[in-house]
PDB file of all heavy atoms in Angstrom:
ATOM      1  N   ALA A   1     -26.874 -36.595 -30.707  1.00  0.00           N
ATOM      2  CA  ALA A   1     -25.938 -35.744 -29.973  1.00  0.00           C
ATOM      3  C   ALA A   1     -24.563 -36.390 -29.889  1.00  0.00           C
ATOM      4  O   ALA A   1     -23.528 -35.743 -30.093  1.00  0.00           O
ATOM      5  CB  ALA A   1     -26.476 -35.464 -28.562  1.00  0.00           C
ATOM      6  N   VAL A   2     -24.534 -37.693 -29.604  1.00  0.00           N
ATOM      7  CA  VAL A   2     -23.263 -38.420 -29.526  1.00  0.00           C
ATOM      8  C   VAL A   2     -22.579 -38.424 -30.888  1.00  0.00           C
ATOM      9  O   VAL A   2     -21.357 -38.271 -30.991  1.00  0.00           O
ATOM     10  CB  VAL A   2     -23.490 -39.858 -29.027  1.00  0.00           C
ATOM     11  CG1 VAL A   2     -22.197 -40.667 -29.105  1.00  0.00           C
ATOM     12  CG2 VAL A   2     -24.010 -39.845 -27.597  1.00  0.00           C
ATOM     13  N   ASP A   3     -23.364 -38.590 -31.945  1.00  0.00           N
ATOM     14  CA  ASP A   3     -22.783 -38.618 -33.284  1.00  0.00           C
ATOM     15  C   ASP A   3     -22.151 -37.276 -33.633  1.00  0.00           C
ATOM     16  O   ASP A   3     -21.088 -37.221 -34.262  1.00  0.00           O
ATOM     17  CB  ASP A   3     -23.858 -38.974 -34.310  1.00  0.00           C
ATOM     18  CG  ASP A   3     -23.268 -39.229 -35.694  1.00  0.00           C
ATOM     19  OD1 ASP A   3     -22.406 -40.123 -35.808  1.00  0.00           O
ATOM     20  OD2 ASP A   3     -23.651 -38.529 -36.648  1.00  0.00           O
ATOM     21  N   ARG A   4     -22.769 -36.197 -33.218  1.00  0.00           N
ATOM     22  CA  ARG A   4     -22.178 -34.879 -33.472  1.00  0.00           C
ATOM     23  C   ARG A   4     -20.855 -34.724 -32.722  1.00  0.00           C
ATOM     24  O   ARG A   4     -19.907 -34.119 -33.231  1.00  0.00           O
ATOM     25  CB  ARG A   4     -23.151 -33.773 -33.057  1.00  0.00           C
ATOM     26  CG  ARG A   4     -24.342 -33.617 -33.985  1.00  0.00           C
ATOM     27  CD  ARG A   4     -25.166 -32.397 -33.646  1.00  0.00           C
ATOM     28  NE  ARG A   4     -24.420 -31.157 -33.857  1.00  0.00           N
ATOM     29  CZ  ARG A   4     -24.906 -29.955 -33.596  1.00  0.00           C
ATOM     30  NH1 ARG A   4     -26.124 -29.824 -33.105  1.00  0.00           N
ATOM     31  NH2 ARG A   4     -24.180 -28.876 -33.797  1.00  0.00           N
ATOM     32  N   CYS A   5     -20.788 -35.284 -31.530  1.00  0.00           N
ATOM     33  CA  CYS A   5     -19.537 -35.242 -30.759  1.00  0.00           C
ATOM     34  C   CYS A   5     -18.466 -36.085 -31.442  1.00  0.00           C
ATOM     35  O   CYS A   5     -17.288 -35.689 -31.492  1.00  0.00           O
ATOM     36  CB  CYS A   5     -19.775 -35.748 -29.341  1.00  0.00           C
ATOM     37  SG  CYS A   5     -20.849 -34.679 -28.351  1.00  0.00           S
ATOM     38  N   ARG A   6     -18.857 -37.232 -31.964  1.00  0.00           N
ATOM     39  CA  ARG A   6     -17.913 -38.099 -32.678  1.00  0.00           C
ATOM     40  C   ARG A   6     -17.323 -37.363 -33.883  1.00  0.00           C
ATOM     41  O   ARG A   6     -16.107 -37.388 -34.123  1.00  0.00           O
ATOM     42  CB  ARG A   6     -18.626 -39.376 -33.136  1.00  0.00           C
ATOM     43  CG  ARG A   6     -17.707 -40.344 -33.914  1.00  0.00           C
ATOM     44  CD  ARG A   6     -18.474 -41.527 -34.467  1.00  0.00           C
ATOM     45  NE  ARG A   6     -19.054 -42.349 -33.402  1.00  0.00           N
ATOM     46  CZ  ARG A   6     -20.332 -42.400 -33.102  1.00  0.00           C
ATOM     47  NH1 ARG A   6     -21.209 -41.664 -33.788  1.00  0.00           N
ATOM     48  NH2 ARG A   6     -20.765 -43.186 -32.133  1.00  0.00           N
ATOM     49  N   GLN A   7     -18.173 -36.676 -34.618  1.00  0.00           N
ATOM     50  CA  GLN A   7     -17.709 -35.926 -35.787  1.00  0.00           C
ATOM     51  C   GLN A   7     -16.793 -34.782 -35.378  1.00  0.00           C
ATOM     52  O   GLN A   7     -15.810 -34.479 -36.074  1.00  0.00           O
ATOM     53  CB  GLN A   7     -18.915 -35.389 -36.560  1.00  0.00           C
ATOM     54  CG  GLN A   7     -19.785 -36.465 -37.206  1.00  0.00           C
ATOM     55  CD  GLN A   7     -21.013 -35.878 -37.877  1.00  0.00           C
ATOM     56  OE1 GLN A   7     -21.027 -34.709 -38.265  1.00  0.00           O
ATOM     57  NE2 GLN A   7     -22.056 -36.679 -38.001  1.00  0.00           N
ATOM     58  N   ALA A   8     -17.099 -34.139 -34.259  1.00  0.00           N
ATOM     59  CA  ALA A   8     -16.269 -33.016 -33.798  1.00  0.00           C
ATOM     60  C   ALA A   8     -14.855 -33.480 -33.482  1.00  0.00           C
ATOM     61  O   ALA A   8     -13.878 -32.795 -33.819  1.00  0.00           O
ATOM     62  CB  ALA A   8     -16.908 -32.381 -32.565  1.00  0.00           C
ATOM     63  N   VAL A   9     -14.730 -34.635 -32.830  1.00  0.00           N
ATOM     64  CA  VAL A   9     -13.395 -35.157 -32.508  1.00  0.00           C
ATOM     65  C   VAL A   9     -12.655 -35.529 -33.780  1.00  0.00           C
ATOM     66  O   VAL A   9     -11.460 -35.240 -33.929  1.00  0.00           O
ATOM     67  CB  VAL A   9     -13.497 -36.365 -31.558  1.00  0.00           C
ATOM     68  CG1 VAL A   9     -12.116 -36.988 -31.344  1.00  0.00           C
ATOM     69  CG2 VAL A   9     -14.091 -35.952 -30.218  1.00  0.00           C
ATOM     70  N   GLN A  10     -13.350 -36.150 -34.703  1.00  0.00           N
ATOM     71  CA  GLN A  10     -12.717 -36.578 -35.957  1.00  0.00           C
ATOM     72  C   GLN A  10     -12.204 -35.403 -36.771  1.00  0.00           C
ATOM     73  O   GLN A  10     -11.136 -35.470 -37.378  1.00  0.00           O
ATOM     74  CB  GLN A  10     -13.708 -37.408 -36.777  1.00  0.00           C
ATOM     75  CG  GLN A  10     -14.024 -38.771 -36.184  1.00  0.00           C
ATOM     76  CD  GLN A  10     -15.098 -39.514 -36.961  1.00  0.00           C
ATOM     77  OE1 GLN A  10     -15.801 -38.935 -37.808  1.00  0.00           O
ATOM     78  NE2 GLN A  10     -15.259 -40.800 -36.682  1.00  0.00           N
ATOM     79  N   THR A  11     -12.966 -34.312 -36.782  1.00  0.00           N
ATOM     80  CA  THR A  11     -12.596 -33.146 -37.592  1.00  0.00           C
ATOM     81  C   THR A  11     -11.808 -32.110 -36.801  1.00  0.00           C
ATOM     82  O   THR A  11     -11.325 -31.131 -37.386  1.00  0.00           O
ATOM     83  CB  THR A  11     -13.860 -32.474 -38.161  1.00  0.00           C
ATOM     84  OG1 THR A  11     -14.696 -32.046 -37.075  1.00  0.00           O
ATOM     85  CG2 THR A  11     -14.638 -33.454 -39.038  1.00  0.00           C
ATOM     86  N   ARG A  12     -11.694 -32.326 -35.458  1.00  0.00           N
ATOM     87  CA  ARG A  12     -11.042 -31.364 -34.562  1.00  0.00           C
ATOM     88  C   ARG A  12     -11.739 -30.005 -34.630  1.00  0.00           C
ATOM     89  O   ARG A  12     -11.120 -28.954 -34.482  1.00  0.00           O
ATOM     90  CB  ARG A  12      -9.557 -31.205 -34.892  1.00  0.00           C
ATOM     91  CG  ARG A  12      -8.752 -32.477 -34.853  1.00  0.00           C
ATOM     92  CD  ARG A  12      -8.766 -33.151 -33.504  1.00  0.00           C
ATOM     93  NE  ARG A  12      -8.195 -32.334 -32.446  1.00  0.00           N
ATOM     94  CZ  ARG A  12      -8.125 -32.726 -31.168  1.00  0.00           C
ATOM     95  NH1 ARG A  12      -8.614 -33.919 -30.807  1.00  0.00           N
ATOM     96  NH2 ARG A  12      -7.571 -31.941 -30.244  1.00  0.00           N
ATOM     97  N   ARG A  13     -13.036 -30.047 -34.829  1.00  0.00           N
ATOM     98  CA  ARG A  13     -13.830 -28.822 -34.877  1.00  0.00           C
ATOM     99  C   ARG A  13     -14.568 -28.662 -33.559  1.00  0.00           C
ATOM    100  O   ARG A  13     -15.200 -29.599 -33.086  1.00  0.00           O
ATOM    101  CB  ARG A  13     -14.832 -28.887 -36.030  1.00  0.00           C
ATOM    102  CG  ARG A  13     -15.627 -27.600 -36.224  1.00  0.00           C
ATOM    103  CD  ARG A  13     -16.500 -27.699 -37.455  1.00  0.00           C
ATOM    104  NE  ARG A  13     -17.248 -26.470 -37.689  1.00  0.00           N
ATOM    105  CZ  ARG A  13     -18.072 -26.283 -38.718  1.00  0.00           C
ATOM    106  NH1 ARG A  13     -18.241 -27.262 -39.605  1.00  0.00           N
ATOM    107  NH2 ARG A  13     -18.708 -25.136 -38.869  1.00  0.00           N
ATOM    108  N   ARG A  14     -14.502 -27.473 -32.976  1.00  0.00           N
ATOM    109  CA  ARG A  14     -15.078 -27.254 -31.648  1.00  0.00           C
ATOM    110  C   ARG A  14     -16.576 -27.487 -31.609  1.00  0.00           C
ATOM    111  O   ARG A  14     -17.325 -27.030 -32.482  1.00  0.00           O
ATOM    112  CB  ARG A  14     -14.797 -25.826 -31.202  1.00  0.00           C
ATOM    113  CG  ARG A  14     -15.180 -25.550 -29.753  1.00  0.00           C
ATOM    114  CD  ARG A  14     -15.470 -24.084 -29.532  1.00  0.00           C
ATOM    115  NE  ARG A  14     -16.710 -23.683 -30.180  1.00  0.00           N
ATOM    116  CZ  ARG A  14     -17.186 -22.446 -30.170  1.00  0.00           C
ATOM    117  NH1 ARG A  14     -16.502 -21.500 -29.571  1.00  0.00           N
ATOM    118  NH2 ARG A  14     -18.319 -22.140 -30.766  1.00  0.00           N
ATOM    119  N   LEU A  15     -17.005 -28.199 -30.569  1.00  0.00           N
ATOM    120  CA  LEU A  15     -18.425 -28.390 -30.299  1.00  0.00           C
ATOM    121  C   LEU A  15     -18.652 -28.063 -28.821  1.00  0.00           C
ATOM    122  O   LEU A  15     -18.388 -28.881 -27.939  1.00  0.00           O
ATOM    123  CB  LEU A  15     -18.864 -29.826 -30.606  1.00  0.00           C
ATOM    124  CG  LEU A  15     -20.354 -30.118 -30.405  1.00  0.00           C
ATOM    125  CD1 LEU A  15     -21.188 -29.314 -31.413  1.00  0.00           C
ATOM    126  CD2 LEU A  15     -20.645 -31.602 -30.559  1.00  0.00           C
ATOM    127  N   LEU A  16     -19.107 -26.868 -28.570  1.00  0.00           N
ATOM    128  CA  LEU A  16     -19.384 -26.410 -27.212  1.00  0.00           C
ATOM    129  C   LEU A  16     -20.816 -26.795 -26.862  1.00  0.00           C
ATOM    130  O   LEU A  16     -21.766 -26.341 -27.503  1.00  0.00           O
ATOM    131  CB  LEU A  16     -19.189 -24.893 -27.117  1.00  0.00           C
ATOM    132  CG  LEU A  16     -19.520 -24.231 -25.781  1.00  0.00           C
ATOM    133  CD1 LEU A  16     -18.702 -24.833 -24.654  1.00  0.00           C
ATOM    134  CD2 LEU A  16     -19.294 -22.727 -25.881  1.00  0.00           C
ATOM    135  N   ILE A  17     -20.963 -27.651 -25.855  1.00  0.00           N
ATOM    136  CA  ILE A  17     -22.271 -28.198 -25.483  1.00  0.00           C
ATOM    137  C   ILE A  17     -22.841 -27.436 -24.293  1.00  0.00           C
ATOM    138  O   ILE A  17     -22.146 -27.175 -23.314  1.00  0.00           O
ATOM    139  CB  ILE A  17     -22.156 -29.689 -25.119  1.00  0.00           C
ATOM    140  CG1 ILE A  17     -21.547 -30.476 -26.289  1.00  0.00           C
ATOM    141  CG2 ILE A  17     -23.518 -30.269 -24.749  1.00  0.00           C
ATOM    142  CD1 ILE A  17     -21.162 -31.896 -25.922  1.00  0.00           C
ATOM    143  N   GLY A  18     -24.107 -27.103 -24.387  1.00  0.00           N
ATOM    144  CA  GLY A  18     -24.805 -26.484 -23.273  1.00  0.00           C
ATOM    145  C   GLY A  18     -26.076 -27.253 -22.981  1.00  0.00           C
ATOM    146  O   GLY A  18     -26.665 -27.863 -23.887  1.00  0.00           O
ATOM    147  N   VAL A  19     -26.492 -27.269 -21.733  1.00  0.00           N
ATOM    148  CA  VAL A  19     -27.748 -27.925 -21.360  1.00  0.00           C
ATOM    149  C   VAL A  19     -28.583 -26.948 -20.546  1.00  0.00           C
ATOM    150  O   VAL A  19     -28.045 -26.130 -19.791  1.00  0.00           O
ATOM    151  CB  VAL A  19     -27.511 -29.222 -20.556  1.00  0.00           C
ATOM    152  CG1 VAL A  19     -26.777 -30.249 -21.406  1.00  0.00           C
ATOM    153  CG2 VAL A  19     -26.721 -28.953 -19.277  1.00  0.00           C
ATOM    154  N   ILE A  20     -29.898 -27.032 -20.702  1.00  0.00           N
ATOM    155  CA  ILE A  20     -30.783 -26.123 -19.981  1.00  0.00           C
ATOM    156  C   ILE A  20     -31.850 -26.902 -19.221  1.00  0.00           C
ATOM    157  O   ILE A  20     -32.271 -27.981 -19.639  1.00  0.00           O
ATOM    158  CB  ILE A  20     -31.457 -25.102 -20.924  1.00  0.00           C
ATOM    159  CG1 ILE A  20     -32.236 -25.815 -22.039  1.00  0.00           C
ATOM    160  CG2 ILE A  20     -30.434 -24.148 -21.502  1.00  0.00           C
ATOM    161  CD1 ILE A  20     -33.093 -24.870 -22.863  1.00  0.00           C
ATOM    162  N   ASN A  21     -32.239 -26.332 -18.103  1.00  0.00           N
ATOM    163  CA  ASN A  21     -33.341 -26.866 -17.316  1.00  0.00           C
ATOM    164  C   ASN A  21     -34.155 -25.678 -16.808  1.00  0.00           C
ATOM    165  O   ASN A  21     -33.883 -24.523 -17.164  1.00  0.00           O
ATOM    166  CB  ASN A  21     -32.819 -27.735 -16.163  1.00  0.00           C
ATOM    167  CG  ASN A  21     -31.782 -27.000 -15.321  1.00  0.00           C
ATOM    168  OD1 ASN A  21     -31.766 -25.772 -15.235  1.00  0.00           O
ATOM    169  ND2 ASN A  21     -30.878 -27.751 -14.698  1.00  0.00           N
ATOM    170  N   ALA A  22     -35.137 -25.952 -15.978  1.00  0.00           N
ATOM    171  CA  ALA A  22     -36.006 -24.875 -15.498  1.00  0.00           C
ATOM    172  C   ALA A  22     -35.217 -23.802 -14.757  1.00  0.00           C
ATOM    173  O   ALA A  22     -35.452 -22.598 -14.938  1.00  0.00           O
ATOM    174  CB  ALA A  22     -37.089 -25.457 -14.597  1.00  0.00           C
ATOM    175  N   ALA A  23     -34.268 -24.225 -13.917  1.00  0.00           N
ATOM    176  CA  ALA A  23     -33.497 -23.265 -13.125  1.00  0.00           C
ATOM    177  C   ALA A  23     -32.698 -22.318 -14.014  1.00  0.00           C
ATOM    178  O   ALA A  23     -32.642 -21.104 -13.760  1.00  0.00           O
ATOM    179  CB  ALA A  23     -32.572 -24.012 -12.172  1.00  0.00           C
ATOM    180  N   LYS A  24     -32.072 -22.852 -15.054  1.00  0.00           N
ATOM    181  CA  LYS A  24     -31.285 -21.987 -15.937  1.00  0.00           C
ATOM    182  C   LYS A  24     -32.178 -21.026 -16.709  1.00  0.00           C
ATOM    183  O   LYS A  24     -31.798 -19.864 -16.931  1.00  0.00           O
ATOM    184  CB  LYS A  24     -30.456 -22.837 -16.901  1.00  0.00           C
ATOM    185  CG  LYS A  24     -29.227 -23.453 -16.291  1.00  0.00           C
ATOM    186  CD  LYS A  24     -28.367 -24.111 -17.360  1.00  0.00           C
ATOM    187  CE  LYS A  24     -27.208 -24.860 -16.741  1.00  0.00           C
ATOM    188  NZ  LYS A  24     -26.390 -25.547 -17.757  1.00  0.00           N
ATOM    189  N   ILE A  25     -33.345 -21.507 -17.148  1.00  0.00           N
ATOM    190  CA  ILE A  25     -34.265 -20.623 -17.862  1.00  0.00           C
ATOM    191  C   ILE A  25     -34.643 -19.446 -16.984  1.00  0.00           C
ATOM    192  O   ILE A  25     -34.704 -18.299 -17.428  1.00  0.00           O
ATOM    193  CB  ILE A  25     -35.524 -21.400 -18.290  1.00  0.00           C
ATOM    194  CG1 ILE A  25     -35.172 -22.493 -19.315  1.00  0.00           C
ATOM    195  CG2 ILE A  25     -36.563 -20.443 -18.867  1.00  0.00           C
ATOM    196  CD1 ILE A  25     -34.640 -21.980 -20.620  1.00  0.00           C
ATOM    197  N   VAL A  26     -34.888 -19.724 -15.708  1.00  0.00           N
ATOM    198  CA  VAL A  26     -35.238 -18.661 -14.768  1.00  0.00           C
ATOM    199  C   VAL A  26     -34.037 -17.748 -14.521  1.00  0.00           C
ATOM    200  O   VAL A  26     -34.157 -16.515 -14.564  1.00  0.00           O
ATOM    201  CB  VAL A  26     -35.738 -19.259 -13.434  1.00  0.00           C
ATOM    202  CG1 VAL A  26     -35.912 -18.166 -12.385  1.00  0.00           C
ATOM    203  CG2 VAL A  26     -37.053 -20.001 -13.647  1.00  0.00           C
ATOM    204  N   ASN A  27     -32.881 -18.327 -14.277  1.00  0.00           N
ATOM    205  CA  ASN A  27     -31.702 -17.531 -13.917  1.00  0.00           C
ATOM    206  C   ASN A  27     -31.190 -16.662 -15.050  1.00  0.00           C
ATOM    207  O   ASN A  27     -30.662 -15.564 -14.812  1.00  0.00           O
ATOM    208  CB  ASN A  27     -30.580 -18.455 -13.432  1.00  0.00           C
ATOM    209  CG  ASN A  27     -30.897 -19.106 -12.104  1.00  0.00           C
ATOM    210  OD1 ASN A  27     -31.709 -18.593 -11.329  1.00  0.00           O
ATOM    211  ND2 ASN A  27     -30.281 -20.244 -11.828  1.00  0.00           N
ATOM    212  N   LEU A  28     -31.315 -17.129 -16.287  1.00  0.00           N
ATOM    213  CA  LEU A  28     -30.760 -16.337 -17.384  1.00  0.00           C
ATOM    214  C   LEU A  28     -31.552 -15.047 -17.617  1.00  0.00           C
ATOM    215  O   LEU A  28     -31.080 -14.149 -18.320  1.00  0.00           O
ATOM    216  CB  LEU A  28     -30.658 -17.174 -18.666  1.00  0.00           C
ATOM    217  CG  LEU A  28     -31.931 -17.668 -19.358  1.00  0.00           C
ATOM    218  CD1 LEU A  28     -32.584 -16.627 -20.234  1.00  0.00           C
ATOM    219  CD2 LEU A  28     -31.589 -18.904 -20.215  1.00  0.00           C
ATOM    220  N   GLN A  29     -32.750 -14.976 -17.026  1.00  0.00           N
ATOM    221  CA  GLN A  29     -33.535 -13.741 -17.159  1.00  0.00           C
ATOM    222  C   GLN A  29     -32.829 -12.558 -16.493  1.00  0.00           C
ATOM    223  O   GLN A  29     -33.017 -11.410 -16.916  1.00  0.00           O
ATOM    224  CB  GLN A  29     -34.927 -13.927 -16.525  1.00  0.00           C
ATOM    225  CG  GLN A  29     -35.715 -15.130 -17.014  1.00  0.00           C
ATOM    226  CD  GLN A  29     -35.942 -15.128 -18.506  1.00  0.00           C
ATOM    227  OE1 GLN A  29     -36.325 -14.100 -19.072  1.00  0.00           O
ATOM    228  NE2 GLN A  29     -35.715 -16.268 -19.145  1.00  0.00           N
ATOM    229  N   SER A  30     -32.025 -12.849 -15.478  1.00  0.00           N
ATOM    230  CA  SER A  30     -31.348 -11.770 -14.747  1.00  0.00           C
ATOM    231  C   SER A  30     -29.832 -11.925 -14.712  1.00  0.00           C
ATOM    232  O   SER A  30     -29.154 -11.181 -14.004  1.00  0.00           O
ATOM    233  CB  SER A  30     -31.875 -11.725 -13.301  1.00  0.00           C
ATOM    234  OG  SER A  30     -31.681 -12.973 -12.656  1.00  0.00           O
ATOM    235  N   ASP A  31     -29.320 -12.896 -15.456  1.00  0.00           N
ATOM    236  CA  ASP A  31     -27.880 -13.152 -15.462  1.00  0.00           C
ATOM    237  C   ASP A  31     -27.353 -13.068 -16.892  1.00  0.00           C
ATOM    238  O   ASP A  31     -27.374 -14.058 -17.626  1.00  0.00           O
ATOM    239  CB  ASP A  31     -27.598 -14.541 -14.878  1.00  0.00           C
ATOM    240  CG  ASP A  31     -26.113 -14.794 -14.648  1.00  0.00           C
ATOM    241  OD1 ASP A  31     -25.287 -14.138 -15.313  1.00  0.00           O
ATOM    242  OD2 ASP A  31     -25.774 -15.654 -13.808  1.00  0.00           O
TER     243      ASP A  31
END
C-alpha cells in the first residue's frame, strides 16, 4: 500500500484511498 502511494506521488497520479470496517459495511447498506 505504501509503495502504491510512493508511485502516485512520483507520477502525480491520483490515488484515492478508502478503508472499511464493520461499521461502514453496515452503514453503506442504507447510505
